[in-house]
Protein backbone atom coordinates (compact mmCIF):
# COMPACT_ATOMS: atom_id res chain seq x y z
CA MET A 1 54.33 129.17 83.56
CA ASN A 2 51.98 126.28 82.69
CA LYS A 3 53.80 125.81 79.39
CA ILE A 4 57.14 125.57 81.23
CA ILE A 5 55.77 122.97 83.66
CA ARG A 6 54.33 120.89 80.80
CA PHE A 7 57.69 121.10 79.02
CA LEU A 8 59.65 119.92 82.09
CA ASN A 9 57.23 117.02 82.60
CA SER A 10 57.39 115.93 78.97
CA PRO A 11 58.62 112.37 78.22
CA LEU A 12 61.50 113.74 76.16
CA ILE A 13 62.93 115.75 79.08
CA VAL A 14 62.52 112.80 81.45
CA LEU A 15 64.39 110.51 79.04
CA ILE A 16 67.17 113.07 78.65
CA CYS A 17 67.57 113.35 82.43
CA VAL A 18 67.62 109.57 82.94
CA GLY A 19 70.13 109.17 80.11
CA PHE A 20 72.38 111.83 81.63
CA ILE A 21 72.33 110.11 85.06
CA LEU A 22 73.17 106.73 83.55
CA PHE A 23 75.96 108.29 81.52
CA GLN A 24 77.47 109.85 84.65
CA ILE A 25 77.37 106.59 86.60
CA THR A 26 79.26 104.74 83.88
CA GLN A 27 82.03 107.33 83.61
CA PRO A 28 85.44 106.92 85.32
CA GLY A 29 84.73 109.97 87.44
CA ALA A 30 81.35 108.77 88.66
CA THR A 31 80.61 109.52 92.29
CA ILE A 32 79.48 105.96 93.10
CA PRO A 33 82.64 104.15 94.30
CA ILE A 34 83.46 100.96 92.41
CA SER A 35 84.21 99.28 95.75
CA ASN A 36 80.62 99.87 96.85
CA LEU A 37 79.33 98.24 93.70
CA GLU A 38 81.67 95.31 94.15
CA ASP A 39 80.64 94.85 97.77
CA LYS A 40 77.09 94.15 96.63
CA PRO A 41 77.40 91.76 93.68
CA SER A 42 74.37 89.97 92.29
CA ILE A 43 75.44 86.58 93.59
CA ASN A 44 73.72 83.71 95.34
CA VAL A 45 73.27 83.80 99.10
CA VAL A 46 72.37 80.40 100.52
CA ASN A 47 70.95 79.91 104.01
CA ASN A 48 72.33 76.46 104.75
CA SER A 49 70.09 74.23 106.86
CA ASN A 50 73.02 71.95 107.77
CA PHE A 51 74.78 74.94 109.33
CA GLU A 52 71.74 75.57 111.50
CA THR A 53 71.74 71.94 112.61
CA HIS A 54 75.34 72.18 113.79
CA PHE A 55 74.56 75.25 115.91
CA LYS A 56 71.54 73.48 117.43
CA ASN A 57 73.58 70.36 118.17
CA PHE A 58 76.14 72.45 120.04
CA GLY A 59 73.35 74.36 121.78
CA ILE A 60 74.95 77.60 120.61
CA GLU A 61 73.40 80.87 119.48
CA GLY A 62 75.43 82.45 116.71
CA SER A 63 76.06 82.79 113.02
CA ILE A 64 78.47 81.89 110.25
CA ILE A 65 79.07 83.28 106.80
CA ILE A 66 81.31 81.64 104.19
CA TYR A 67 82.24 83.17 100.84
CA ASP A 68 83.27 80.93 97.94
CA LEU A 69 85.54 83.16 95.86
CA LYS A 70 85.63 81.13 92.65
CA ASN A 71 81.87 80.66 92.44
CA GLN A 72 81.05 84.05 93.97
CA GLN A 73 78.61 82.53 96.40
CA PHE A 74 77.80 83.18 100.06
CA PHE A 75 76.67 80.43 102.43
CA GLU A 76 75.37 81.45 105.82
CA HIS A 77 73.38 80.75 108.93
CA ASN A 78 71.55 83.53 110.79
CA SER A 79 71.70 86.27 108.15
CA GLN A 80 70.48 88.99 110.53
CA ARG A 81 73.34 88.37 112.95
CA ASN A 82 75.78 88.45 110.04
CA ILE A 83 74.97 92.13 109.49
CA THR A 84 74.96 92.99 113.21
CA PRO A 85 78.03 94.76 114.69
CA PHE A 86 79.90 93.08 117.53
CA PRO A 87 83.07 94.06 119.44
CA VAL A 88 86.09 93.05 117.36
CA ALA A 89 88.04 91.53 120.31
CA SER A 90 91.28 89.84 119.26
CA THR A 91 90.34 89.63 115.58
CA PHE A 92 91.69 93.21 115.58
CA LYS A 93 95.17 91.72 115.97
CA ILE A 94 95.15 91.18 112.20
CA LEU A 95 94.84 94.92 111.53
CA ASN A 96 96.98 95.85 114.56
CA SER A 97 99.78 93.70 113.10
CA LEU A 98 99.45 95.36 109.69
CA ILE A 99 99.58 98.87 111.17
CA SER A 100 102.46 98.04 113.53
CA LEU A 101 104.63 96.66 110.73
CA GLU A 102 103.76 99.42 108.28
CA THR A 103 104.53 102.19 110.78
CA LYS A 104 107.71 100.35 111.83
CA VAL A 105 106.91 100.38 115.55
CA ILE A 106 108.13 96.78 115.27
CA PRO A 107 110.57 95.77 112.52
CA ASP A 108 109.28 92.30 111.70
CA GLU A 109 107.50 89.24 113.01
CA THR A 110 110.59 87.85 114.76
CA SER A 111 111.41 90.96 116.82
CA VAL A 112 110.95 90.29 120.53
CA LEU A 113 109.16 92.44 123.09
CA THR A 114 110.23 91.98 126.70
CA TRP A 115 107.56 90.74 129.11
CA ASP A 116 106.91 93.23 131.91
CA GLY A 117 106.84 90.52 134.57
CA ILE A 118 103.12 90.93 135.34
CA THR A 119 101.43 87.52 135.58
CA ARG A 120 98.35 87.36 133.36
CA GLN A 121 95.53 84.89 132.73
CA LEU A 122 97.29 82.57 130.29
CA PRO A 123 100.74 81.07 131.01
CA THR A 124 101.68 81.40 127.33
CA TRP A 125 101.49 85.20 127.70
CA ASN A 126 103.91 85.37 130.62
CA ARG A 127 107.21 85.52 128.78
CA ASP A 128 109.11 87.45 126.14
CA LEU A 129 107.34 87.12 122.78
CA ASN A 130 107.80 87.98 119.13
CA MET A 131 104.86 88.91 116.90
CA ARG A 132 104.48 85.45 115.41
CA GLU A 133 104.24 83.92 118.88
CA ALA A 134 102.05 86.70 120.27
CA PHE A 135 99.60 86.42 117.38
CA LYS A 136 99.15 82.68 117.85
CA ALA A 137 98.89 82.99 121.65
CA SER A 138 96.65 86.07 121.25
CA ALA A 139 98.81 87.83 123.87
CA VAL A 140 96.97 90.97 124.91
CA TRP A 141 99.91 92.77 126.54
CA PHE A 142 102.06 92.44 123.41
CA TYR A 143 99.50 94.16 121.19
CA GLN A 144 98.79 96.78 123.84
CA VAL A 145 102.47 97.76 123.70
CA LEU A 146 102.27 98.02 119.91
CA ALA A 147 99.09 100.13 120.08
CA ARG A 148 100.72 102.58 122.52
CA ARG A 149 103.75 102.83 120.24
CA ILE A 150 101.52 103.57 117.25
CA GLY A 151 99.69 106.30 119.18
CA TYR A 152 96.11 107.50 119.14
CA GLU A 153 96.18 109.82 116.11
CA GLU A 154 98.12 107.40 113.93
CA MET A 155 95.92 104.48 114.93
CA GLN A 156 92.74 106.43 114.18
CA LYS A 157 94.17 107.46 110.80
CA TRP A 158 94.85 103.88 109.74
CA VAL A 159 91.56 102.45 111.05
CA LYS A 160 89.67 105.09 109.05
CA MET A 161 91.86 104.66 105.98
CA VAL A 162 91.10 100.94 105.96
CA GLY A 163 87.42 101.60 106.72
CA TYR A 164 87.47 98.93 109.40
CA GLY A 165 84.16 98.25 111.13
CA ASN A 166 82.58 101.28 112.79
CA GLN A 167 86.04 102.97 112.88
CA GLN A 168 85.57 103.98 116.54
CA ILE A 169 88.61 103.70 118.81
CA GLY A 170 87.30 105.80 121.69
CA GLU A 171 89.35 108.51 123.40
CA LYS A 172 93.12 108.82 123.77
CA GLU A 173 93.06 106.89 127.02
CA ASP A 174 91.48 103.96 125.14
CA ILE A 175 94.48 103.49 122.84
CA ASP A 176 95.50 100.16 124.40
CA LYS A 177 92.01 98.76 125.04
CA PHE A 178 89.51 100.02 122.46
CA TRP A 179 89.32 96.58 120.83
CA LEU A 180 88.83 95.03 124.28
CA ASN A 181 86.20 97.37 125.74
CA GLY A 182 83.76 97.25 122.82
CA LYS A 183 84.43 100.66 121.26
CA LEU A 184 85.49 99.15 117.94
CA GLN A 185 82.82 96.93 116.40
CA ILE A 186 82.42 95.03 113.14
CA THR A 187 79.83 92.77 111.52
CA PRO A 188 80.61 89.22 110.33
CA THR A 189 79.92 90.39 106.77
CA GLU A 190 82.42 93.23 107.19
CA GLN A 191 84.96 90.72 108.46
CA ILE A 192 84.59 88.86 105.16
CA GLN A 193 85.04 92.07 103.17
CA PHE A 194 88.19 92.95 105.14
CA LEU A 195 89.65 89.46 104.68
CA ARG A 196 88.95 89.54 100.95
CA ARG A 197 90.84 92.82 100.68
CA LEU A 198 93.70 91.35 102.70
CA TYR A 199 93.88 88.29 100.46
CA ASN A 200 93.80 90.43 97.31
CA ASN A 201 96.49 92.83 98.64
CA ASP A 202 93.83 95.54 98.36
CA LEU A 203 94.66 97.28 101.64
CA PRO A 204 96.82 100.44 102.06
CA PHE A 205 99.88 98.51 103.19
CA SER A 206 103.07 97.39 101.49
CA GLU A 207 103.34 93.93 99.95
CA ARG A 208 105.94 93.07 102.59
CA THR A 209 103.61 93.99 105.46
CA ILE A 210 100.67 92.06 104.02
CA SER A 211 102.85 89.04 103.25
CA ILE A 212 104.14 88.87 106.84
CA VAL A 213 100.64 89.10 108.31
CA LYS A 214 99.25 86.46 105.97
CA ASP A 215 102.09 84.20 107.07
CA ILE A 216 101.62 84.66 110.83
CA MET A 217 97.90 83.99 110.34
CA ILE A 218 98.56 80.41 109.20
CA MET A 219 96.84 78.16 111.74
CA GLU A 220 96.95 74.91 109.77
CA LYS A 221 98.80 73.77 106.67
CA THR A 222 98.40 70.41 104.92
CA PRO A 223 99.13 69.19 101.38
CA GLN A 224 95.45 69.79 100.60
CA PHE A 225 94.75 73.19 102.16
CA THR A 226 96.03 76.12 104.22
CA ILE A 227 93.98 77.97 106.86
CA HIS A 228 94.80 81.58 107.77
CA ALA A 229 92.73 82.64 110.77
CA LYS A 230 92.30 84.46 114.07
CA THR A 231 90.12 83.82 117.08
CA GLY A 232 88.55 86.48 119.27
CA TRP A 233 86.80 86.37 122.66
CA PHE A 234 85.17 89.58 123.83
CA GLY A 235 84.75 89.71 127.61
CA TYR A 236 87.31 86.98 128.31
CA GLY A 237 87.96 86.79 132.04
CA ASP A 238 85.25 89.34 132.87
CA GLU A 239 82.00 87.66 133.86
CA GLY A 240 80.26 91.01 134.00
CA LYS A 241 80.53 91.44 130.23
CA GLN A 242 78.65 89.82 127.41
CA GLN A 243 80.82 87.00 126.07
CA ILE A 244 81.19 86.96 122.28
CA GLY A 245 83.38 84.57 120.33
CA TRP A 246 84.90 84.99 116.86
CA TYR A 247 86.74 82.78 114.41
CA VAL A 248 87.57 84.54 111.15
CA GLY A 249 89.90 83.82 108.26
CA TYR A 250 90.21 82.08 104.93
CA LEU A 251 91.04 78.64 103.60
CA GLU A 252 93.09 78.18 100.44
CA LYS A 253 92.50 74.95 98.54
CA ALA A 254 93.69 74.14 95.02
CA ASP A 255 92.43 76.99 92.84
CA ASN A 256 89.84 78.39 95.23
CA VAL A 257 89.59 80.39 98.46
CA TYR A 258 86.86 80.23 101.10
CA PHE A 259 86.50 83.16 103.50
CA PHE A 260 84.70 82.59 106.80
CA ALA A 261 83.46 84.51 109.83
CA THR A 262 81.91 82.67 112.77
CA ASN A 263 80.36 84.63 115.63
CA ILE A 264 78.79 83.07 118.74
CA ASP A 265 77.53 83.76 122.23
CA ILE A 266 79.94 82.16 124.70
CA ARG A 267 78.43 80.79 127.90
CA ASN A 268 81.14 78.42 129.08
CA ASP A 269 84.75 77.41 128.33
CA LYS A 270 83.62 74.64 125.96
CA ASP A 271 82.03 77.22 123.69
CA GLY A 272 85.47 78.69 123.07
CA ALA A 273 86.57 75.55 121.25
CA ALA A 274 83.19 75.35 119.51
CA ARG A 275 84.04 78.45 117.45
CA ILE A 276 86.55 76.44 115.47
CA GLU A 277 84.64 73.14 115.51
CA LEU A 278 81.48 74.77 114.11
CA THR A 279 83.47 76.45 111.35
CA ARG A 280 85.14 73.19 110.34
CA LEU A 281 81.82 71.33 110.27
CA CYS A 282 80.29 73.96 108.00
CA LEU A 283 83.32 73.86 105.69
CA LYS A 284 82.99 70.07 105.57
CA ASP A 285 79.36 70.48 104.51
CA LEU A 286 80.67 72.38 101.48
CA SER A 287 83.24 69.62 100.83
CA VAL A 288 86.03 72.08 101.52
CA LEU A 289 87.59 69.98 104.32
């Protein structure tokens, strides 16, 4: 028995075992997913002091993370918050649009849904809308109709297939509110990963579906750049809930792309606009705008 133990502990056996493990990892059939390796590249992460100054000047608690695709570099403020999950709020409309188009519960971005006549918080919601209009107005009722048409099982299937956030959509009765009641959560860093996959057409949707959603996400287009983005406001209209603001998307400029995810605590109506203003200031610091 002692001879066997000495043999197993010998340097030769250890080297053979290590070599075998390394060989397995480098094979096509290795059990470590390539996507996991790609999600954690050895690239620079810069905590930008200018970003912090902007947040202080606005008197806002929050975070931002920006990914420079060409240079493979992250810039951020408040790194701990950037890996903390928060309710997705209306940023889920990006994925909801993808699923709705792919499952054909709505034919295209110009198809109109009829308003039910119930007066809601924002006047822009209180009319018939198509997807392009509803996305820009962030019309809750429109996307609730789409979610009910998709159905609980189908929605859960797609959210898991995409690997979106914590993949939790609650119970069947939550089908038209799980992104509003906090069941589905995502970190700012995961938002960046999702947006990168969207940009690269690396999501389980057809090219047509992805192309339509990229198009309806365009918030600003100039000769110099194009911004594709979506806002989100968890707890909007409900003072009893924690108020969390999002602004996520990507900016295309020349031969580069900059992905961004801004997340803040909202304490008043002015903070809603600050989501976008903070993001633009941080992009200006990087000479992107």
